[in-house]
Amino acid sequence: DADNMFIIKEFLSCISEAVSSLTDYQRCLLRLRYKHHMSATDIVGFCKRTGCSLIPNKASSQLKEQDIFYELNKALKAVLVQIRARYEEQDSLSMGHLKYIFEEIGV
């Protein structure tokens, strides 16, 4: 119904604002992972093939999967903090929920 659609649109808008506030490289990492469904291994390979590192202060030739996981987790936590700050029930949304949402809607 209309009320539910409004709530969903507001929530998606909140997610969009939170993602927009991230750094360029964090947004790019989230997009590669959740919109293009690339694994950390794929992202590392992409960076090495293009010679472009998505991790600050690390050359593309030095990238490892753990670097990608760390930066993705950092970006997800930043989004989660912003979403939780906007809603009163701060424990209602977990990192797992956020990952599921991103997998379903992309970034």
N, C-alpha and C. Protein backbone atom coordinates (compact mmCIF):
# COMPACT_ATOMS: atom_id res chain seq x y z
N ASP A 1 0.83 -1.19 0.00
CA ASP A 1 0.00 0.00 0.00
C ASP A 1 0.87 1.26 0.00
N ALA A 2 0.23 2.39 -0.05
CA ALA A 2 0.95 3.66 -0.18
C ALA A 2 1.85 3.95 1.02
N ASP A 3 1.39 3.62 2.23
CA ASP A 3 2.22 3.86 3.42
C ASP A 3 3.51 3.04 3.38
N ASN A 4 3.38 1.78 3.01
CA ASN A 4 4.57 0.93 2.93
C ASN A 4 5.52 1.40 1.84
N MET A 5 4.99 1.83 0.72
CA MET A 5 5.83 2.34 -0.36
C MET A 5 6.58 3.59 0.09
N PHE A 6 5.92 4.44 0.84
CA PHE A 6 6.56 5.65 1.35
C PHE A 6 7.69 5.28 2.30
N ILE A 7 7.45 4.33 3.18
CA ILE A 7 8.48 3.90 4.14
C ILE A 7 9.68 3.30 3.41
N ILE A 8 9.41 2.48 2.41
CA ILE A 8 10.48 1.85 1.65
C ILE A 8 11.29 2.91 0.90
N LYS A 9 10.61 3.86 0.26
CA LYS A 9 11.31 4.92 -0.46
C LYS A 9 12.16 5.77 0.48
N GLU A 10 11.62 6.05 1.67
CA GLU A 10 12.39 6.83 2.65
C GLU A 10 13.63 6.06 3.10
N PHE A 11 13.47 4.77 3.35
CA PHE A 11 14.60 3.95 3.78
C PHE A 11 15.66 3.87 2.69
N LEU A 12 15.25 3.66 1.45
CA LEU A 12 16.19 3.60 0.34
C LEU A 12 16.89 4.94 0.14
N SER A 13 16.16 6.02 0.37
CA SER A 13 16.76 7.35 0.29
C SER A 13 17.83 7.52 1.38
N CYS A 14 17.55 7.01 2.56
CA CYS A 14 18.52 7.06 3.66
C CYS A 14 19.77 6.27 3.31
N ILE A 15 19.59 5.10 2.72
CA ILE A 15 20.74 4.29 2.29
C ILE A 15 21.54 5.04 1.23
N SER A 16 20.85 5.63 0.28
CA SER A 16 21.51 6.38 -0.78
C SER A 16 22.32 7.55 -0.23
N GLU A 17 21.76 8.28 0.72
CA GLU A 17 22.48 9.39 1.34
C GLU A 17 23.72 8.90 2.08
N ALA A 18 23.57 7.78 2.79
CA ALA A 18 24.70 7.24 3.54
C ALA A 18 25.82 6.79 2.60
N VAL A 19 25.45 6.15 1.51
CA VAL A 19 26.45 5.71 0.54
C VAL A 19 27.11 6.92 -0.12
N SER A 20 26.32 7.94 -0.41
CA SER A 20 26.85 9.15 -1.05
C SER A 20 27.88 9.86 -0.18
N SER A 21 27.77 9.69 1.12
CA SER A 21 28.70 10.37 2.03
C SER A 21 30.04 9.66 2.14
N LEU A 22 30.15 8.46 1.58
CA LEU A 22 31.40 7.71 1.62
C LEU A 22 32.42 8.32 0.66
N THR A 23 33.65 7.91 0.81
CA THR A 23 34.68 8.35 -0.12
C THR A 23 34.43 7.70 -1.48
N ASP A 24 35.05 8.25 -2.50
CA ASP A 24 34.88 7.71 -3.86
C ASP A 24 35.29 6.24 -3.93
N TYR A 25 36.44 5.91 -3.32
CA TYR A 25 36.91 4.53 -3.42
C TYR A 25 35.99 3.57 -2.66
N GLN A 26 35.40 4.02 -1.54
CA GLN A 26 34.48 3.15 -0.82
C GLN A 26 33.22 2.89 -1.63
N ARG A 27 32.71 3.94 -2.27
CA ARG A 27 31.53 3.77 -3.12
C ARG A 27 31.83 2.83 -4.29
N CYS A 28 33.01 2.98 -4.85
CA CYS A 28 33.40 2.12 -5.96
C CYS A 28 33.51 0.66 -5.52
N LEU A 29 34.11 0.43 -4.38
CA LEU A 29 34.22 -0.94 -3.85
C LEU A 29 32.84 -1.54 -3.62
N LEU A 30 31.94 -0.78 -3.00
CA LEU A 30 30.59 -1.28 -2.77
C LEU A 30 29.88 -1.59 -4.09
N ARG A 31 30.07 -0.72 -5.06
CA ARG A 31 29.43 -0.92 -6.37
C ARG A 31 29.96 -2.19 -7.04
N LEU A 32 31.28 -2.38 -7.01
CA LEU A 32 31.85 -3.58 -7.62
C LEU A 32 31.36 -4.84 -6.92
N ARG A 33 31.30 -4.78 -5.60
CA ARG A 33 30.90 -5.97 -4.83
C ARG A 33 29.40 -6.26 -4.97
N TYR A 34 28.57 -5.24 -4.79
CA TYR A 34 27.13 -5.50 -4.69
C TYR A 34 26.33 -5.23 -5.96
N LYS A 35 26.78 -4.36 -6.82
CA LYS A 35 26.07 -4.15 -8.08
C LYS A 35 26.56 -5.11 -9.15
N HIS A 36 27.88 -5.28 -9.20
CA HIS A 36 28.46 -6.14 -10.23
C HIS A 36 28.79 -7.54 -9.72
N HIS A 37 28.50 -7.79 -8.44
CA HIS A 37 28.65 -9.11 -7.82
C HIS A 37 30.06 -9.68 -7.96
N MET A 38 31.04 -8.81 -7.79
CA MET A 38 32.44 -9.26 -7.86
C MET A 38 32.92 -9.69 -6.48
N SER A 39 33.68 -10.76 -6.45
CA SER A 39 34.28 -11.22 -5.19
C SER A 39 35.51 -10.37 -4.91
N ALA A 40 36.06 -10.52 -3.71
CA ALA A 40 37.29 -9.80 -3.36
C ALA A 40 38.42 -10.19 -4.31
N THR A 41 38.47 -11.46 -4.68
CA THR A 41 39.49 -11.93 -5.63
C THR A 41 39.31 -11.25 -6.98
N ASP A 42 38.06 -11.15 -7.43
CA ASP A 42 37.77 -10.48 -8.70
C ASP A 42 38.18 -9.01 -8.65
N ILE A 43 37.89 -8.35 -7.53
CA ILE A 43 38.22 -6.93 -7.40
C ILE A 43 39.73 -6.73 -7.41
N VAL A 44 40.46 -7.60 -6.71
CA VAL A 44 41.92 -7.51 -6.72
C VAL A 44 42.43 -7.71 -8.15
N GLY A 45 41.91 -8.69 -8.84
CA GLY A 45 42.32 -8.95 -10.22
C GLY A 45 42.01 -7.76 -11.13
N PHE A 46 40.85 -7.18 -10.95
CA PHE A 46 40.45 -5.99 -11.71
C PHE A 46 41.44 -4.85 -11.48
N CYS A 47 41.77 -4.62 -10.22
CA CYS A 47 42.71 -3.55 -9.88
C CYS A 47 44.09 -3.80 -10.49
N LYS A 48 44.54 -5.03 -10.42
CA LYS A 48 45.86 -5.36 -10.96
C LYS A 48 45.88 -5.24 -12.48
N ARG A 49 44.79 -5.65 -13.14
CA ARG A 49 44.74 -5.54 -14.61
C ARG A 49 44.68 -4.09 -15.07
N THR A 50 43.96 -3.26 -14.32
CA THR A 50 43.83 -1.86 -14.72
C THR A 50 44.96 -0.99 -14.17
N GLY A 51 45.70 -1.52 -13.21
CA GLY A 51 46.77 -0.74 -12.59
C GLY A 51 46.25 0.35 -11.68
N CYS A 52 45.01 0.23 -11.28
CA CYS A 52 44.36 1.24 -10.43
C CYS A 52 43.99 0.62 -9.09
N SER A 53 44.55 1.12 -8.03
CA SER A 53 44.24 0.61 -6.70
C SER A 53 43.03 1.33 -6.13
N LEU A 54 42.12 0.60 -5.55
CA LEU A 54 40.96 1.19 -4.90
C LEU A 54 41.17 1.35 -3.39
N ILE A 55 42.38 1.07 -2.95
CA ILE A 55 42.72 1.20 -1.55
C ILE A 55 43.76 2.31 -1.42
N PRO A 56 43.47 3.33 -0.63
CA PRO A 56 44.43 4.43 -0.47
C PRO A 56 45.78 3.95 0.07
N ASN A 57 46.82 4.55 -0.42
CA ASN A 57 48.19 4.28 0.03
C ASN A 57 48.65 2.85 -0.20
N LYS A 58 48.03 2.17 -1.17
CA LYS A 58 48.46 0.81 -1.49
C LYS A 58 48.46 0.66 -3.01
N ALA A 59 49.58 0.25 -3.55
CA ALA A 59 49.68 0.05 -5.00
C ALA A 59 48.83 -1.15 -5.42
N SER A 60 48.36 -1.10 -6.64
CA SER A 60 47.52 -2.20 -7.13
C SER A 60 48.26 -3.53 -7.11
N SER A 61 49.55 -3.50 -7.32
CA SER A 61 50.35 -4.73 -7.31
C SER A 61 50.47 -5.33 -5.90
N GLN A 62 50.21 -4.53 -4.88
CA GLN A 62 50.32 -4.99 -3.49
C GLN A 62 48.98 -5.43 -2.90
N LEU A 63 47.90 -5.24 -3.62
CA LEU A 63 46.57 -5.55 -3.07
C LEU A 63 46.37 -7.03 -2.81
N LYS A 64 45.67 -7.31 -1.73
CA LYS A 64 45.28 -8.67 -1.38
C LYS A 64 43.80 -8.68 -1.06
N GLU A 65 43.21 -9.85 -1.06
CA GLU A 65 41.79 -9.98 -0.78
C GLU A 65 41.44 -9.41 0.60
N GLN A 66 42.33 -9.61 1.57
CA GLN A 66 42.05 -9.11 2.91
C GLN A 66 41.94 -7.59 2.93
N ASP A 67 42.67 -6.91 2.05
CA ASP A 67 42.56 -5.45 1.96
C ASP A 67 41.16 -5.06 1.49
N ILE A 68 40.66 -5.79 0.52
CA ILE A 68 39.32 -5.52 -0.02
C ILE A 68 38.27 -5.79 1.05
N PHE A 69 38.37 -6.93 1.74
CA PHE A 69 37.42 -7.25 2.81
C PHE A 69 37.44 -6.17 3.90
N TYR A 70 38.62 -5.73 4.28
CA TYR A 70 38.74 -4.73 5.33
C TYR A 70 38.06 -3.43 4.91
N GLU A 71 38.34 -2.96 3.71
CA GLU A 71 37.77 -1.70 3.25
C GLU A 71 36.27 -1.81 3.01
N LEU A 72 35.81 -2.95 2.51
CA LEU A 72 34.36 -3.14 2.35
C LEU A 72 33.66 -3.11 3.70
N ASN A 73 34.24 -3.79 4.67
CA ASN A 73 33.66 -3.83 6.01
C ASN A 73 33.62 -2.43 6.62
N LYS A 74 34.67 -1.67 6.41
CA LYS A 74 34.73 -0.30 6.91
C LYS A 74 33.63 0.56 6.27
N ALA A 75 33.43 0.40 4.98
CA ALA A 75 32.39 1.16 4.27
C ALA A 75 31.00 0.75 4.75
N LEU A 76 30.79 -0.55 4.90
CA LEU A 76 29.49 -1.03 5.37
C LEU A 76 29.19 -0.52 6.78
N LYS A 77 30.19 -0.53 7.64
CA LYS A 77 30.00 -0.03 9.01
C LYS A 77 29.64 1.45 9.00
N ALA A 78 30.27 2.22 8.12
CA ALA A 78 29.97 3.65 8.03
C ALA A 78 28.52 3.88 7.59
N VAL A 79 28.06 3.09 6.64
CA VAL A 79 26.67 3.20 6.18
C VAL A 79 25.73 2.79 7.31
N LEU A 80 26.05 1.70 7.97
CA LEU A 80 25.21 1.20 9.06
C LEU A 80 25.09 2.22 10.19
N VAL A 81 26.17 2.85 10.55
CA VAL A 81 26.16 3.87 11.61
C VAL A 81 25.21 5.01 11.23
N GLN A 82 25.26 5.44 10.00
CA GLN A 82 24.40 6.54 9.57
C GLN A 82 22.92 6.14 9.55
N ILE A 83 22.65 4.92 9.11
CA ILE A 83 21.25 4.47 9.08
C ILE A 83 20.72 4.31 10.50
N ARG A 84 21.52 3.70 11.36
CA ARG A 84 21.08 3.52 12.74
C ARG A 84 20.86 4.86 13.45
N ALA A 85 21.66 5.85 13.13
CA ALA A 85 21.51 7.17 13.75
C ALA A 85 20.20 7.83 13.33
N ARG A 86 19.71 7.46 12.18
CA ARG A 86 18.49 8.08 11.67
C ARG A 86 17.22 7.45 12.24
N TYR A 87 17.31 6.21 12.65
CA TYR A 87 16.14 5.49 13.16
C TYR A 87 16.31 5.22 14.65
N GLU A 88 15.20 5.24 15.36
CA GLU A 88 15.24 5.08 16.82
C GLU A 88 15.69 3.69 17.25
N GLU A 89 15.20 2.66 16.59
CA GLU A 89 15.54 1.29 16.96
C GLU A 89 16.89 0.95 16.34
N GLN A 90 17.94 1.32 17.02
CA GLN A 90 19.28 1.21 16.45
C GLN A 90 19.76 -0.23 16.27
N ASP A 91 19.23 -1.16 17.02
CA ASP A 91 19.70 -2.54 16.91
C ASP A 91 18.88 -3.36 15.92
N SER A 92 17.90 -2.75 15.27
CA SER A 92 17.03 -3.51 14.39
C SER A 92 17.69 -3.86 13.05
N LEU A 93 18.74 -3.17 12.69
CA LEU A 93 19.42 -3.43 11.43
C LEU A 93 20.85 -3.87 11.72
N SER A 94 21.21 -5.04 11.21
CA SER A 94 22.55 -5.57 11.45
C SER A 94 23.38 -5.49 10.18
N MET A 95 24.65 -5.80 10.29
CA MET A 95 25.54 -5.81 9.14
C MET A 95 25.05 -6.84 8.13
N GLY A 96 24.58 -7.98 8.61
CA GLY A 96 24.05 -9.01 7.71
C GLY A 96 22.84 -8.52 6.94
N HIS A 97 21.96 -7.79 7.62
CA HIS A 97 20.79 -7.22 6.94
C HIS A 97 21.22 -6.24 5.85
N LEU A 98 22.18 -5.39 6.18
CA LEU A 98 22.65 -4.39 5.22
C LEU A 98 23.28 -5.06 4.00
N LYS A 99 24.07 -6.10 4.22
CA LYS A 99 24.67 -6.83 3.10
C LYS A 99 23.59 -7.44 2.22
N TYR A 100 22.57 -8.01 2.85
CA TYR A 100 21.46 -8.60 2.09
C TYR A 100 20.75 -7.54 1.26
N ILE A 101 20.51 -6.38 1.85
CA ILE A 101 19.85 -5.29 1.12
C ILE A 101 20.69 -4.89 -0.09
N PHE A 102 21.98 -4.72 0.11
CA PHE A 102 22.86 -4.35 -0.99
C PHE A 102 22.90 -5.42 -2.07
N GLU A 103 22.89 -6.68 -1.67
CA GLU A 103 22.88 -7.77 -2.65
C GLU A 103 21.60 -7.75 -3.47
N GLU A 104 20.50 -7.38 -2.84
CA GLU A 104 19.21 -7.36 -3.54
C GLU A 104 19.02 -6.15 -4.43
N ILE A 105 19.44 -4.97 -3.95
CA ILE A 105 19.16 -3.75 -4.71
C ILE A 105 20.38 -3.19 -5.42
N GLY A 106 21.57 -3.69 -5.09
CA GLY A 106 22.80 -3.11 -5.65
C GLY A 106 23.12 -1.81 -4.93
N VAL A 107 24.10 -1.11 -5.43
CA VAL A 107 24.49 0.16 -4.83
C VAL A 107 24.49 1.21 -5.91
